[in-house]
Protein backbone atom coordinates (compact mmCIF):
# COMPACT_ATOMS: atom_id res chain seq x y z
CA MET A 1 -31.15 -88.78 -5.60
CA ASP A 2 -27.51 -88.25 -5.96
CA LEU A 3 -24.97 -90.08 -3.57
CA LYS A 4 -23.46 -86.98 -2.28
CA GLN A 5 -27.16 -85.58 -1.10
CA GLN A 6 -27.79 -89.23 0.65
CA ILE A 7 -23.91 -88.80 2.37
CA ILE A 8 -25.52 -85.29 3.45
CA ASP A 9 -29.03 -86.93 4.49
CA VAL A 10 -26.53 -89.13 6.49
CA LEU A 11 -24.85 -86.61 8.21
CA LYS A 12 -28.14 -84.50 9.20
CA THR A 13 -28.71 -87.99 11.41
CA ILE A 14 -25.62 -87.05 13.62
CA TYR A 15 -25.97 -84.51 16.29
CA ASP A 16 -23.12 -82.99 18.33
CA PRO A 17 -24.18 -83.85 21.97
CA GLU A 18 -24.21 -80.64 23.34
CA ILE A 19 -26.15 -78.61 20.91
CA PRO A 20 -29.70 -79.92 19.59
CA VAL A 21 -28.60 -79.80 15.82
CA ASP A 22 -27.24 -81.81 13.47
CA ILE A 23 -23.23 -81.33 12.17
CA TYR A 24 -24.43 -80.89 8.79
CA GLU A 25 -26.33 -77.53 9.57
CA LEU A 26 -23.81 -76.97 12.28
CA GLY A 27 -21.02 -76.30 9.68
CA LEU A 28 -18.80 -79.00 11.29
CA ILE A 29 -18.66 -80.57 7.60
CA TYR A 30 -15.93 -78.78 5.58
CA GLU A 31 -16.05 -80.95 2.91
CA VAL A 32 -17.40 -83.97 1.34
CA ASN A 33 -15.56 -85.34 -1.11
CA ILE A 34 -16.45 -88.14 -3.56
CA ASP A 35 -13.61 -90.04 -5.72
CA ASP A 36 -14.66 -92.15 -9.16
CA LYS A 37 -14.27 -95.25 -7.32
CA LYS A 38 -16.94 -94.00 -4.76
CA HIS A 39 -14.86 -93.71 -1.94
CA VAL A 40 -15.84 -90.52 0.12
CA GLU A 41 -13.48 -88.32 1.87
CA ILE A 42 -15.05 -86.13 4.67
CA VAL A 43 -13.60 -83.01 6.27
CA MET A 44 -14.61 -82.00 9.10
CA THR A 45 -14.31 -80.49 12.32
CA LEU A 46 -15.60 -79.93 16.27
CA THR A 47 -16.94 -77.31 18.23
CA SER A 48 -13.83 -77.25 19.99
CA PRO A 49 -10.90 -79.82 20.31
CA ASN A 50 -12.12 -80.15 23.72
CA CYS A 51 -15.35 -81.77 22.25
CA PRO A 52 -16.29 -84.55 24.74
CA VAL A 53 -16.33 -86.55 21.23
CA ALA A 54 -13.73 -86.05 19.51
CA GLY A 55 -12.81 -89.58 20.09
CA SER A 56 -15.49 -91.13 19.13
CA MET A 57 -17.75 -88.70 16.47
CA PRO A 58 -15.37 -88.78 14.01
CA GLN A 59 -15.70 -92.86 13.46
CA ASP A 60 -19.54 -92.43 13.69
CA VAL A 61 -19.35 -90.25 10.94
CA GLN A 62 -17.15 -92.60 8.89
CA GLU A 63 -18.90 -95.80 9.89
CA LYS A 64 -22.34 -94.29 9.08
CA VAL A 65 -21.22 -92.38 5.58
CA ALA A 66 -19.69 -96.04 4.41
CA SER A 67 -23.31 -97.80 5.08
CA VAL A 68 -24.59 -95.49 2.33
CA GLU A 69 -25.83 -97.73 -0.82
CA GLY A 70 -23.33 -97.34 -3.47
CA VAL A 71 -20.26 -95.71 -1.04
CA GLU A 72 -17.13 -98.02 -1.19
CA GLY A 73 -15.26 -96.79 1.65
CA ALA A 74 -15.11 -93.43 3.67
CA HIS A 75 -12.40 -91.70 5.73
CA VAL A 76 -12.48 -88.97 7.89
CA GLU A 77 -10.56 -86.17 7.96
CA LEU A 78 -10.82 -83.76 11.35
CA VAL A 79 -9.17 -80.68 10.95
CA PHE A 80 -9.22 -77.59 13.57
CA GLU A 81 -8.10 -75.21 11.15
CA PRO A 82 -10.42 -72.92 10.05
CA ALA A 83 -11.60 -72.87 13.56
CA TRP A 84 -15.26 -73.57 13.78
CA ASP A 85 -17.46 -70.53 15.13
CA LYS A 86 -21.19 -70.01 14.74
CA SER A 87 -20.77 -68.08 11.44
CA PHE A 88 -20.38 -71.92 9.82
CA MET A 89 -24.02 -72.33 11.11
CA SER A 90 -26.49 -72.81 8.52
CA GLU A 91 -29.61 -70.54 8.94
CA GLU A 92 -31.78 -72.97 10.30
CA ALA A 93 -29.29 -73.90 13.00
CA MET A 94 -28.77 -70.17 13.89
CA LEU A 95 -32.96 -70.25 13.99
CA GLU A 96 -33.31 -73.13 16.43
CA LEU A 97 -30.61 -71.82 18.78
CA GLY A 98 -32.18 -68.53 18.90
CA PHE A 99 -29.30 -66.36 16.96
CA LEU A 100 -31.39 -64.96 14.49
């Protein structure tokens, strides 16, 4: 399994506290970039800027990604543009939440 897939698998273990779907399937992860030195840059958003985990979620993501074997470091950039909406969710997440 390649490193990016391992990182995605870890991201799928992190859940939004208000929605019973992981942050990857929710579409909160905009980018997963890995440089030549195996430093990972995650660009993500939250369902709302007022999300109760706005302070802790990026740190949790950074720590879990950094713990993946082969990752030399991780950084999370929290963005609110483009604003998240339900169209970013995977089909699996939409099905889980009854949108399909």
